[in-house]
């Protein structure tokens, strides 16, 4: 006679649970993939503020399962908990989508609405997280359907990674490849599609309501576990001596032996995973700092005419997860076994080592992007001469130990000098090319400049009423690169065009971000967005400029009355 377990068919209800999980994970992973860029580019939070909001959202999403488990096991039951919190979840998605469309609202109101939406989403996704998988397990009769239960768990995990794989790739495409509401991105479309998937998840879950096995809430497992721990600890403190082998045995006069034994087993597992919070805190950097780092890189693949979006780097995780799931038993584990890595704890240690390696590579990459900042030794000084003429200027000063150094038209040259005191006065002689005669009355200049220890000072060679002068630009140069990786831009111009409102830098993107030259009149370095710009004068194109991330630029502009503005970067 065949065993009973072979006569029982796999319950059809679990397919509704698997499909519901796929749609819900599609929503969650898609949302978190594009979240940090939404916070920085639309809500105008700084990188640090966006990182804190993102990780606060992640923390709440993974803290809420504690309360979701209590509601599912002790009060509402798993079915009602999933249904009710899924509605809160979907409502949060609708609110967030609305916030991304509310262009007529003030920025503060948009931020408030978005935060409310994120809180609702975190409450919903965290609340249903502990119930979905266990509710699927409730559909099976054990031990008769143990094999079928194992297959369900495999399908459930596979559904999670399929949903996350598709959404982590698709959501960045939707928010970047489409333009809407006057922006060169379309976060409302991305959030709207994700909201539709969450609503679909609810509909699928409801369709299977008559097929589900719905167990009544009865076990206050979490309350009893914490109660057992606190009661045993209290007894341990007030009792000076105890004959019990384990401190949790002090709770046996109030809790059953099974409850005490289960609590012991739970604590022993916690010892193994005590370092996991640190690992997951680092893991979640993929959605914040690693994504922000990716914005500083060029993702264009010229051969196919497609660009890898910064937030699409998160697609690597579900892709590799699916590949590893398929290769664990046949490829990966046999390969690790050749190096003596066979036990679960050894595999965990190996995985953590790989995570350390990943962050080392991320740090190296970050250094490659930013490079070294300009640091002047404390015993030396530096000064930079910018040529404001469309002709060569030659340095003739013997006190600098240089001779016949030419500065190109609108170019610059750096000089190192060792001052004898904190500040030295240095004589400098310059000779202008004959082609400069149309700008000035004479071609030579003999003047003094200041050189300071540990500092860099810039000077601009220009003219005033056809008289050559070398004027100092502000106090000291600030060559510190911004933490956010934005380029720093300083614009040096002739006095007669400093306030010219008709000269602007305009981005070539569809959002037409522009900087008026007059806003740089103080000649300080200013953080600007990186990318391609057009220098425009009275509607006409002067030149195209590309500003790279984590780079410091000085743009020299001269107004030639015969030919208009000219520039050098």
Protein backbone atom coordinates (compact mmCIF):
# COMPACT_ATOMS: atom_id res chain seq x y z
CA UNK A 1 0.00 0.00 0.00
CA UNK A 2 1.38 3.44 -0.97
CA UNK A 3 2.12 5.96 1.75
CA UNK A 4 -0.56 8.55 2.40
CA UNK A 5 1.74 11.42 1.42
CA UNK A 6 1.71 10.26 -2.20
CA UNK A 7 -2.12 10.44 -2.36
CA UNK A 8 -2.36 14.06 -1.30
CA UNK A 9 -2.19 16.59 -4.11
CA UNK A 10 -0.38 19.87 -3.72
CA UNK A 11 -2.94 22.50 -2.71
CA UNK A 12 -3.90 24.89 -5.52
CA UNK A 13 -4.13 27.76 -3.05
CA UNK A 14 -0.34 28.05 -2.79
CA UNK A 15 -0.10 29.28 -6.38
CA UNK A 16 -2.11 32.36 -5.41
CA UNK A 17 0.32 32.94 -2.55
CA UNK A 18 3.37 32.49 -4.82
CA UNK A 19 1.97 34.88 -7.46
CA UNK A 20 0.99 37.39 -4.79
CA UNK A 21 4.52 37.28 -3.41
CA UNK A 22 6.04 37.79 -6.87
CA UNK A 23 3.95 40.95 -7.43
CA UNK A 24 4.59 42.28 -3.93
CA UNK A 25 8.35 41.77 -4.20
CA UNK A 26 8.27 43.37 -7.65
CA UNK A 27 6.77 46.41 -5.98
CA UNK A 28 9.08 46.52 -2.97
CA UNK A 29 12.39 46.00 -4.75
CA UNK A 30 11.46 48.32 -7.59
CA UNK A 31 10.55 51.03 -5.10
CA UNK A 32 13.73 50.81 -3.07
CA UNK A 33 15.82 50.68 -6.26
CA UNK A 34 14.80 54.17 -7.39
CA UNK A 35 14.06 55.67 -3.96
CA UNK A 36 17.37 57.35 -3.17
CA UNK A 37 17.53 59.05 -6.59
CA UNK A 38 13.95 60.28 -6.10
CA UNK A 39 14.95 61.77 -2.77
CA UNK A 40 18.00 63.54 -4.19
CA UNK A 41 16.81 64.63 -7.64
CA UNK A 42 13.12 65.43 -7.04
CA UNK A 43 12.80 66.17 -3.32
CA UNK A 44 16.22 67.87 -3.28
CA UNK A 45 17.51 66.13 -0.18
CA UNK A 46 21.28 66.03 0.19
CA UNK A 47 23.09 62.72 -0.28
CA UNK A 48 23.47 62.34 3.48
CA UNK A 49 19.82 63.17 4.17
CA UNK A 50 18.66 60.80 1.42
CA UNK A 51 20.83 58.03 2.84
CA UNK A 52 19.32 58.49 6.31
CA UNK A 53 15.74 58.50 4.97
CA UNK A 54 16.43 55.45 2.81
CA UNK A 55 17.91 53.43 5.66
CA UNK A 56 15.18 54.62 8.04
CA UNK A 57 12.66 53.23 5.55
CA UNK A 58 14.58 49.94 5.31
CA UNK A 59 14.86 49.71 9.12
CA UNK A 60 11.11 50.20 9.59
CA UNK A 61 10.39 47.66 6.83
CA UNK A 62 12.43 45.01 8.65
CA UNK A 63 11.35 45.99 12.17
CA UNK A 64 7.63 45.73 11.44
CA UNK A 65 7.74 41.92 10.89
CA UNK A 66 7.91 41.60 14.68
CA UNK A 67 4.48 43.23 14.99
CA UNK A 68 3.19 41.51 11.88
CA UNK A 69 4.01 38.15 13.44
CA UNK A 70 2.21 39.12 16.65
CA UNK A 71 -0.89 40.19 14.74
CA UNK A 72 -0.85 37.06 12.57
CA UNK A 73 -0.24 34.53 15.34
CA UNK A 74 -2.18 36.07 18.21
CA UNK A 75 -4.92 38.42 17.00
CA UNK A 76 -6.05 38.74 13.37
CA UNK A 77 -4.73 35.53 11.91
CA UNK A 78 -2.41 35.38 8.91
CA UNK A 79 -5.05 35.86 6.20
CA UNK A 80 -6.58 39.00 7.71
CA UNK A 81 -3.13 40.38 8.60
CA UNK A 82 -1.96 40.01 5.00
CA UNK A 83 -5.18 41.49 3.61
CA UNK A 84 -5.40 44.50 5.91
CA UNK A 85 -1.73 45.46 5.81
CA UNK A 86 -1.61 44.93 2.02
CA UNK A 87 -4.27 47.64 1.73
CA UNK A 88 -2.09 49.94 3.87
CA UNK A 89 0.82 48.95 1.62
CA UNK A 90 -1.06 49.81 -1.59
CA UNK A 91 -2.33 53.07 -0.09
CA UNK A 92 1.28 54.06 0.68
CA UNK A 93 2.22 53.41 -2.95
CA UNK A 94 -0.64 55.59 -4.20
CA UNK A 95 0.37 58.38 -1.80
CA UNK A 96 4.01 58.21 -2.95
CA UNK A 97 2.93 58.26 -6.61
CA UNK A 98 0.76 61.30 -5.88
CA UNK A 99 3.69 63.06 -4.17
CA UNK A 100 5.86 62.54 -7.25
CA UNK A 101 3.16 64.19 -9.40
CA UNK A 102 2.44 67.14 -7.08
CA UNK A 103 4.59 69.71 -8.89
CA UNK A 104 2.25 72.55 -7.89
CA UNK A 105 2.81 71.80 -4.19
CA UNK A 106 5.62 73.37 -2.21
CA UNK A 107 8.73 71.27 -1.77
CA UNK A 108 8.02 70.86 1.96
CA UNK A 109 4.52 69.55 1.20
CA UNK A 110 5.87 67.13 -1.42
CA UNK A 111 8.41 65.87 1.10
CA UNK A 112 5.77 65.42 3.81
CA UNK A 113 3.41 63.49 1.51
CA UNK A 114 6.27 61.28 0.28
CA UNK A 115 7.39 60.46 3.84
CA UNK A 116 3.82 59.54 4.81
CA UNK A 117 3.68 57.23 1.80
CA UNK A 118 6.99 55.61 2.71
CA UNK A 119 5.83 55.00 6.28
CA UNK A 120 2.65 53.30 5.05
CA UNK A 121 4.67 51.14 2.66
CA UNK A 122 7.11 50.15 5.41
CA UNK A 123 4.24 49.24 7.75
CA UNK A 124 2.59 47.18 5.02
CA UNK A 125 5.57 45.31 3.60
CA UNK A 126 7.02 44.66 7.05
CA UNK A 127 3.71 43.54 8.46
CA UNK A 128 2.98 40.94 5.79
CA UNK A 129 6.55 39.68 5.52
CA UNK A 130 6.38 37.09 8.37
CA UNK A 131 2.89 35.96 7.38
CA UNK A 132 3.12 35.27 3.64
CA UNK A 133 5.54 32.35 3.74
CA UNK A 134 4.10 30.77 6.89
CA UNK A 135 0.56 31.17 5.53
CA UNK A 136 1.69 29.12 2.53
CA UNK A 137 3.07 26.51 4.90
CA UNK A 138 -0.32 26.30 6.62
CA UNK A 139 -1.83 24.96 3.38
CA UNK A 140 0.04 21.65 3.73
CA UNK A 141 -0.61 18.63 5.94
CA UNK A 142 2.52 17.52 7.73
CA UNK A 143 4.34 15.20 7.72
CA UNK A 144 2.39 13.74 4.77
CA UNK A 145 3.21 16.64 2.39
CA UNK A 146 6.74 17.44 3.53
CA UNK A 147 8.21 17.05 0.03
CA UNK A 148 5.51 19.25 -1.47
CA UNK A 149 6.12 21.86 1.23
CA UNK A 150 9.82 21.93 0.30
CA UNK A 151 8.91 22.50 -3.34
CA UNK A 152 6.59 25.33 -2.30
CA UNK A 153 9.38 27.08 -0.40
CA UNK A 154 11.68 26.76 -3.42
CA UNK A 155 9.01 28.26 -5.68
CA UNK A 156 8.32 30.98 -3.13
CA UNK A 157 12.00 32.03 -2.99
CA UNK A 158 12.29 31.82 -6.78
CA UNK A 159 9.23 34.08 -7.15
CA UNK A 160 10.88 36.65 -4.87
CA UNK A 161 14.00 36.81 -7.01
CA UNK A 162 12.12 36.80 -10.32
CA UNK A 163 10.01 39.74 -9.15
CA UNK A 164 13.01 41.65 -7.83
CA UNK A 165 15.09 40.89 -10.95
CA UNK A 166 12.47 42.33 -13.29
CA UNK A 167 11.65 45.37 -11.15
CA UNK A 168 15.24 46.39 -10.35
CA UNK A 169 15.89 46.53 -14.09
CA UNK A 170 12.55 47.95 -15.24
CA UNK A 171 11.92 50.65 -12.60
CA UNK A 172 15.10 52.63 -13.46
CA UNK A 173 14.21 52.38 -17.16
CA UNK A 174 10.74 53.78 -16.52
CA UNK A 175 11.95 56.67 -14.40
CA UNK A 176 14.78 57.66 -16.78
CA UNK A 177 13.78 56.68 -20.32
CA UNK A 178 10.49 58.61 -20.22
CA UNK A 179 10.01 62.34 -19.61
CA UNK A 180 6.92 63.75 -17.92
CA UNK A 181 5.67 66.76 -15.94
CA UNK A 182 8.36 68.99 -17.44
CA UNK A 183 11.27 66.92 -16.14
CA UNK A 184 13.78 64.75 -17.95
CA UNK A 185 12.72 61.85 -15.70
CA UNK A 186 9.35 60.25 -14.94
CA UNK A 187 9.22 58.95 -11.38
CA UNK A 188 5.38 59.09 -11.42
CA UNK A 189 5.36 56.45 -14.17
CA UNK A 190 7.76 54.20 -12.27
CA UNK A 191 5.87 54.56 -8.98
CA UNK A 192 2.54 54.15 -10.80
CA UNK A 193 3.55 50.85 -12.39
CA UNK A 194 4.81 49.60 -9.01
CA UNK A 195 1.51 50.63 -7.39
CA UNK A 196 -0.39 48.70 -10.07
CA UNK A 197 1.66 45.59 -9.25
CA UNK A 198 0.78 45.91 -5.56
CA UNK A 199 -2.91 46.26 -6.38
CA UNK A 200 -2.56 43.20 -8.62
CA UNK A 201 -1.01 41.31 -5.68
CA UNK A 202 -4.05 42.09 -3.55
CA UNK A 203 -6.47 40.98 -6.29
CA UNK A 204 -4.60 37.69 -6.78
CA UNK A 205 -4.60 37.03 -3.04
CA UNK A 206 -8.35 37.69 -2.79
CA UNK A 207 -9.10 35.34 -5.69
CA UNK A 208 -7.80 32.39 -3.68
CA UNK A 209 -9.70 33.24 -0.48
CA UNK A 210 -12.09 30.27 -0.75
CA UNK A 211 -9.23 27.79 -1.22
CA UNK A 212 -7.08 28.81 1.73
CA UNK A 213 -6.66 26.91 4.96
CA UNK A 214 -7.17 29.66 7.56
CA UNK A 215 -5.97 28.73 11.00
CA UNK A 216 -7.31 30.69 13.93
CA UNK A 217 -4.86 32.79 15.95
CA UNK A 218 -4.08 31.03 19.18
CA UNK A 219 -0.39 31.02 20.01
CA UNK A 220 1.18 34.05 21.68
CA UNK A 221 4.61 32.70 20.74
CA UNK A 222 6.52 35.98 20.75
CA UNK A 223 4.93 37.16 24.01
CA UNK A 224 5.71 33.82 25.66
CA UNK A 225 9.30 33.82 24.38
CA UNK A 226 10.06 37.30 25.69
CA UNK A 227 8.14 36.57 28.85
CA UNK A 228 10.22 33.44 29.44
CA UNK A 229 13.48 35.38 28.93
CA UNK A 230 12.57 38.27 31.24
CA UNK A 231 11.10 36.01 33.92
CA UNK A 232 14.16 33.73 33.93
CA UNK A 233 16.50 36.74 34.03
CA UNK A 234 14.53 38.24 36.91
CA UNK A 235 14.71 34.97 38.87
CA UNK A 236 18.44 34.70 38.13
CA UNK A 237 19.03 38.16 39.58
CA UNK A 238 16.98 37.76 42.77
CA UNK A 239 18.19 34.22 43.48
CA UNK A 240 21.73 34.23 44.83
CA UNK A 241 22.15 30.53 44.20
CA UNK A 242 20.54 28.20 41.69
CA UNK A 243 20.87 24.48 41.00
CA UNK A 244 19.70 24.82 37.40
CA UNK A 245 22.12 23.99 34.59
CA UNK A 246 20.88 26.85 32.43
CA UNK A 247 19.64 30.25 33.57
CA UNK A 248 16.47 29.84 31.48
CA UNK A 249 15.55 26.81 33.60
CA UNK A 250 14.56 29.32 36.30
CA UNK A 251 11.38 29.93 34.29
CA UNK A 252 10.16 26.31 34.46
CA UNK A 253 7.86 27.03 37.40
CA UNK A 254 5.85 29.41 35.15
CA UNK A 255 6.48 28.15 31.60
CA UNK A 256 6.34 24.61 30.24
CA UNK A 257 9.47 22.63 29.47
CA UNK A 258 8.71 22.85 25.74
CA UNK A 259 8.46 26.65 25.91
CA UNK A 260 11.73 26.89 27.84
CA UNK A 261 13.42 24.47 25.45
CA UNK A 262 12.20 26.42 22.42
CA UNK A 263 13.48 29.67 23.95
CA UNK A 264 16.89 28.08 24.52
CA UNK A 265 17.00 26.95 20.90
CA UNK A 266 16.06 30.45 19.67
CA UNK A 267 18.83 32.09 21.72
CA UNK A 268 21.40 29.58 20.49
CA UNK A 269 20.48 30.48 16.92
CA UNK A 270 20.87 34.19 17.77
CA UNK A 271 24.48 33.57 18.82
CA UNK A 272 25.21 32.31 15.33
CA UNK A 273 23.60 35.34 13.69
CA UNK A 274 24.84 37.98 16.12
CA UNK A 275 26.91 39.66 13.37
CA UNK A 276 24.07 39.65 10.84
CA UNK A 277 22.77 43.17 11.65
CA UNK A 278 26.17 44.56 10.67
CA UNK A 279 26.20 42.54 7.46
CA UNK A 280 22.72 43.67 6.44
CA UNK A 281 23.48 47.27 7.32
CA UNK A 282 26.39 47.10 4.87
CA UNK A 283 24.39 45.11 2.33
CA UNK A 284 21.73 47.83 2.15
CA UNK A 285 24.39 50.31 1.02
CA UNK A 286 23.62 49.01 -2.48
CA UNK A 287 20.48 51.10 -2.54
CA UNK A 288 22.04 54.24 -1.08
CA UNK A 289 25.77 54.96 -1.21
CA UNK A 290 26.59 52.52 -4.00
CA UNK A 291 23.78 53.93 -6.14
CA UNK A 292 24.95 57.48 -5.44
CA UNK A 293 28.49 56.39 -6.33
CA UNK A 294 27.18 54.97 -9.61
CA UNK A 295 25.74 58.40 -10.54
CA UNK A 296 29.34 59.61 -10.81
CA UNK A 297 30.22 57.04 -13.47
CA UNK A 298 29.54 56.79 -17.18
CA UNK A 299 27.20 53.90 -17.88
CA UNK A 300 26.96 54.34 -21.64
CA UNK A 301 27.53 51.25 -23.80
CA UNK A 302 28.28 52.79 -27.15
CA UNK A 303 28.14 49.52 -29.11
CA UNK A 304 24.43 49.01 -28.34
CA UNK A 305 23.46 52.65 -27.79
CA UNK A 306 22.17 51.99 -24.28
CA UNK A 307 23.09 53.37 -20.88
CA UNK A 308 23.23 51.41 -17.64
CA UNK A 309 21.29 53.50 -15.13
CA UNK A 310 22.99 54.12 -11.75
CA UNK A 311 20.23 52.35 -9.83
CA UNK A 312 20.32 49.32 -12.13
CA UNK A 313 23.45 48.08 -10.39
CA UNK A 314 21.01 46.56 -7.88
CA UNK A 315 19.86 44.12 -10.58
CA UNK A 316 23.08 42.18 -10.00
CA UNK A 317 21.84 40.86 -6.64
CA UNK A 318 18.66 39.03 -7.77
CA UNK A 319 20.37 37.91 -10.99
CA UNK A 320 23.23 36.25 -9.12
CA UNK A 321 20.83 34.92 -6.50
CA UNK A 322 18.83 33.08 -9.15
CA UNK A 323 21.98 31.72 -10.79
CA UNK A 324 23.39 30.57 -7.46
CA UNK A 325 20.14 28.90 -6.43
CA UNK A 326 20.32 26.84 -9.60
CA UNK A 327 24.00 26.02 -9.12
CA UNK A 328 24.27 25.46 -5.36
CA UNK A 329 24.04 21.67 -5.31
CA UNK A 330 25.73 20.89 -8.61
CA UNK A 331 28.43 23.56 -9.01
CA UNK A 332 29.04 25.95 -6.11
CA UNK A 333 28.93 23.62 -3.11
CA UNK A 334 31.07 20.89 -4.78
CA UNK A 335 33.58 23.60 -5.76
CA UNK A 336 33.76 24.97 -2.19
CA UNK A 337 34.08 21.45 -0.82
CA UNK A 338 37.38 21.09 -2.68
CA UNK A 339 38.74 23.82 -0.38
CA UNK A 340 37.31 22.27 2.78
CA UNK A 341 34.26 24.54 2.96
CA UNK A 342 31.45 22.10 3.69
CA UNK A 343 29.64 23.04 6.89
CA UNK A 344 26.98 25.81 6.99
CA UNK A 345 29.06 27.97 9.36
CA UNK A 346 32.05 27.74 7.03
CA UNK A 347 29.87 28.85 4.12
CA UNK A 348 28.60 31.82 6.14
CA UNK A 349 32.15 32.87 6.99
CA UNK A 350 33.18 32.53 3.35
CA UNK A 351 30.21 34.67 2.27
CA UNK A 352 31.08 37.36 4.81
CA UNK A 353 34.65 37.37 3.52
CA UNK A 354 33.31 37.97 0.00
CA UNK A 355 31.27 40.88 1.36
CA UNK A 356 34.44 42.38 2.87
CA UNK A 357 36.15 42.03 -0.51
CA UNK A 358 33.20 43.78 -2.18
CA UNK A 359 33.51 46.80 0.09
CA UNK A 360 37.26 46.97 -0.43
CA UNK A 361 36.62 47.11 -4.18
CA UNK A 362 33.97 49.79 -3.65
CA UNK A 363 36.46 51.85 -1.65
CA UNK A 364 39.10 51.49 -4.38
CA UNK A 365 36.55 52.51 -6.99
CA UNK A 366 35.55 55.54 -4.93
CA UNK A 367 39.18 56.61 -4.73
CA UNK A 368 39.55 56.18 -8.49
CA UNK A 369 36.53 58.40 -9.09
CA UNK A 370 37.57 61.18 -6.72
CA UNK A 371 41.35 60.93 -7.04
CA UNK A 372 43.64 63.00 -4.86
CA UNK A 373 42.70 66.48 -3.70
CA UNK A 374 45.26 69.20 -4.25
CA UNK A 375 47.26 69.56 -1.05
CA UNK A 376 49.97 72.20 -0.76
CA UNK A 377 52.85 71.22 1.58
CA UNK A 378 53.03 73.42 4.67
CA UNK A 379 56.56 74.55 3.76
CA UNK A 380 55.69 75.51 0.20
CA UNK A 381 53.30 77.84 -1.56
CA UNK A 382 51.58 77.82 -4.92
CA UNK A 383 50.18 80.50 -7.16
CA UNK A 384 48.33 80.19 -10.44
CA UNK A 385 48.34 82.78 -13.19
CA UNK A 386 45.32 82.83 -15.53
CA UNK A 387 45.81 84.60 -18.82
CA UNK A 388 42.76 86.71 -19.63
CA UNK A 389 43.95 87.64 -23.12
CA UNK A 390 43.56 85.94 -26.47
CA UNK A 391 47.34 86.06 -26.90
CA UNK A 392 50.35 84.48 -25.24
CA UNK A 393 51.82 85.86 -22.01
CA UNK A 394 55.43 85.08 -21.03
CA UNK A 395 56.76 84.85 -17.46
CA UNK A 396 60.23 86.45 -17.13
CA UNK A 397 60.68 86.57 -13.33
CA UNK A 398 64.11 85.36 -12.18
CA UNK A 399 63.03 85.17 -8.52
CA UNK A 400 60.84 82.15 -9.41
CA UNK A 401 63.76 80.24 -10.93
CA UNK A 402 61.85 80.09 -14.19
CA UNK A 403 62.59 81.65 -17.52
CA UNK A 404 60.48 82.17 -20.61
CA UNK A 405 57.40 80.25 -19.50
CA UNK A 406 54.52 80.94 -21.89
CA UNK A 407 50.89 80.97 -20.82
CA UNK A 408 48.51 80.11 -23.65
CA UNK A 409 45.63 82.41 -24.58
CA UNK A 410 42.98 82.13 -21.83
CA UNK A 411 45.19 79.40 -20.31
CA UNK A 412 46.90 79.07 -16.94
CA UNK A 413 50.18 78.00 -15.36
CA UNK A 414 50.93 76.84 -11.81
CA UNK A 415 54.09 77.85 -9.97
CA UNK A 416 55.59 76.31 -6.84
CA UNK A 417 57.57 78.55 -4.51
CA UNK A 418 59.18 78.11 -1.08
CA UNK A 419 58.44 81.22 1.00
CA UNK A 420 60.95 82.34 3.61
CA UNK A 421 58.10 83.39 5.90
CA UNK A 422 54.38 82.70 6.20
CA UNK A 423 53.80 85.20 3.41
CA UNK A 424 56.38 86.38 0.90
CA UNK A 425 56.19 89.19 -1.61
CA UNK A 426 57.55 87.96 -4.97
CA UNK A 427 58.36 90.09 -7.97
CA UNK A 428 56.97 88.84 -11.27
CA UNK A 429 57.56 90.12 -14.78
CA UNK A 430 55.31 89.35 -17.70
CA UNK A 431 55.61 90.14 -21.37
CA UNK A 432 52.61 89.99 -23.68
CA UNK A 433 52.71 88.89 -27.28
CA UNK A 434 52.57 91.60 -29.93
CA UNK A 435 49.10 90.43 -30.91
CA UNK A 436 47.90 91.83 -27.55
CA UNK A 437 48.53 95.41 -28.73
CA UNK A 438 44.92 95.71 -29.80
CA UNK A 439 43.88 95.16 -26.17
CA UNK A 440 46.46 97.21 -24.24
CA UNK A 441 48.71 100.24 -24.58
CA UNK A 442 51.90 98.30 -23.79
CA UNK A 443 52.99 94.71 -23.61
CA UNK A 444 55.00 94.37 -20.36
CA UNK A 445 54.11 94.20 -16.69
CA UNK A 446 56.35 94.38 -13.61
CA UNK A 447 54.44 93.76 -10.37
CA UNK A 448 54.50 91.99 -7.00
CA UNK A 449 52.41 89.04 -5.85
CA UNK A 450 51.90 87.27 -2.52
CA UNK A 451 52.85 83.65 -1.91
CA UNK A 452 51.67 81.94 1.32
CA UNK A 453 52.86 78.74 2.96
CA UNK A 454 50.49 75.81 2.55
CA UNK A 455 48.13 77.79 0.33
CA UNK A 456 47.34 78.34 -3.33
CA UNK A 457 46.55 81.82 -4.62
CA UNK A 458 45.18 82.62 -8.08
CA UNK A 459 45.88 85.73 -10.14
CA UNK A 460 44.11 86.94 -13.27
CA UNK A 461 46.01 88.74 -16.00
CA UNK A 462 43.60 91.26 -17.49
CA UNK A 463 43.32 94.90 -18.46
CA UNK A 464 41.46 97.97 -17.32
CA UNK A 465 41.18 100.91 -19.70
CA UNK A 466 43.90 99.30 -21.86
CA UNK A 467 46.31 99.05 -18.91
CA UNK A 468 47.59 95.57 -18.01
CA UNK A 469 47.04 94.41 -14.45
CA UNK A 470 47.46 91.19 -12.50
CA UNK A 471 44.71 91.05 -9.91
CA UNK A 472 44.34 88.56 -7.09
CA UNK A 473 41.27 86.28 -7.12
CA UNK A 474 39.77 86.20 -3.63
CA UNK A 475 41.87 85.14 -0.65
CA UNK A 476 42.98 81.51 -1.05
CA UNK A 477 41.97 78.79 -3.49
CA UNK A 478 39.70 76.07 -2.14
CA UNK A 479 40.59 72.81 -3.93
CA UNK A 480 38.68 70.47 -1.59
CA UNK A 481 36.40 68.19 -3.61
CA UNK A 482 32.77 67.97 -2.42
CA UNK A 483 31.72 64.74 -0.72
CA UNK A 484 28.77 64.36 -3.07
CA UNK A 485 31.09 64.15 -6.08
CA UNK A 486 29.68 67.19 -7.85
CA UNK A 487 32.14 69.25 -9.87
CA UNK A 488 33.25 72.62 -8.48
CA UNK A 489 33.21 75.45 -11.01
CA UNK A 490 34.75 78.92 -10.79
CA UNK A 491 34.28 81.45 -13.57
CA UNK A 492 36.81 84.25 -14.10
CA UNK A 493 35.82 87.03 -16.46
CA UNK A 494 36.68 90.55 -17.50
CA UNK A 495 35.15 93.27 -15.38
CA UNK A 496 32.92 94.40 -18.25
CA UNK A 497 31.04 91.06 -18.52
CA UNK A 498 30.83 90.02 -14.85
CA UNK A 499 27.26 91.30 -14.69
CA UNK A 500 26.29 90.36 -18.23
CA UNK A 501 22.95 88.58 -17.84
CA UNK A 502 23.02 87.37 -21.45
CA UNK A 503 25.81 84.79 -20.94
CA UNK A 504 24.57 81.51 -19.42
CA UNK A 505 25.61 77.88 -19.02
CA UNK A 506 22.72 75.62 -20.04
CA UNK A 507 22.58 71.85 -19.65
CA UNK A 508 21.90 69.90 -22.81
CA UNK A 509 19.30 67.72 -21.03
CA UNK A 510 15.58 68.29 -21.34
CA UNK A 511 15.29 69.90 -17.91
CA UNK A 512 17.36 72.88 -19.18
CA UNK A 513 19.18 73.58 -15.92
CA UNK A 514 21.05 76.87 -16.35
CA UNK A 515 23.61 78.98 -14.49
CA UNK A 516 23.91 82.66 -15.26
CA UNK A 517 27.47 83.93 -15.44
CA UNK A 518 26.55 86.80 -13.12
CA UNK A 519 25.93 84.26 -10.33
CA UNK A 520 29.69 83.51 -10.38
CA UNK A 521 30.66 87.19 -10.05
CA UNK A 522 32.31 86.60 -6.66
CA UNK A 523 34.69 84.14 -8.39
CA UNK A 524 34.30 81.50 -5.68
CA UNK A 525 34.06 77.80 -6.48
CA UNK A 526 30.45 76.67 -6.76
CA UNK A 527 29.02 73.16 -6.87
CA UNK A 528 27.14 72.47 -10.09
CA UNK A 529 25.55 69.41 -11.69
CA UNK A 530 27.88 67.34 -13.84
CA UNK A 531 27.19 66.66 -17.48
CA UNK A 532 27.15 68.43 -20.84
CA UNK A 533 26.64 72.20 -21.00
CA UNK A 534 26.33 74.82 -23.69
CA UNK A 535 27.82 78.28 -23.15
CA UNK A 536 25.22 80.60 -24.66
CA UNK A 537 25.47 84.34 -25.37
CA UNK A 538 22.27 86.13 -26.33
CA UNK A 539 20.78 82.91 -27.61
CA UNK A 540 23.82 81.97 -29.70
CA UNK A 541 26.09 79.01 -28.95
CA UNK A 542 29.63 79.98 -27.91
CA UNK A 543 30.95 76.53 -27.03
CA UNK A 544 30.07 73.12 -25.54
CA UNK A 545 31.50 72.08 -22.17
CA UNK A 546 31.51 68.75 -20.32
CA UNK A 547 31.93 68.86 -16.53
CA UNK A 548 33.06 65.57 -15.01
CA UNK A 549 32.13 64.46 -11.49
CA UNK A 550 34.55 65.06 -8.60
CA UNK A 551 36.58 67.57 -10.63
CA UNK A 552 37.54 71.20 -9.99
CA UNK A 553 37.24 73.61 -12.91
CA UNK A 554 38.13 77.23 -13.60
CA UNK A 555 36.41 78.68 -16.65
CA UNK A 556 38.04 81.79 -18.13
CA UNK A 557 35.80 83.96 -20.32
CA UNK A 558 36.90 87.01 -22.28
CA UNK A 559 34.63 89.33 -24.20
CA UNK A 560 36.08 90.26 -27.58
CA UNK A 561 34.03 93.21 -28.75
CA UNK A 562 34.61 92.25 -32.38
CA UNK A 563 33.89 88.52 -32.10
CA UNK A 564 31.97 88.15 -28.82
CA UNK A 565 32.84 85.95 -25.78
CA UNK A 566 35.53 83.28 -25.92
CA UNK A 567 36.36 80.77 -23.21
CA UNK A 568 38.91 78.27 -21.90
CA UNK A 569 38.26 75.55 -19.33
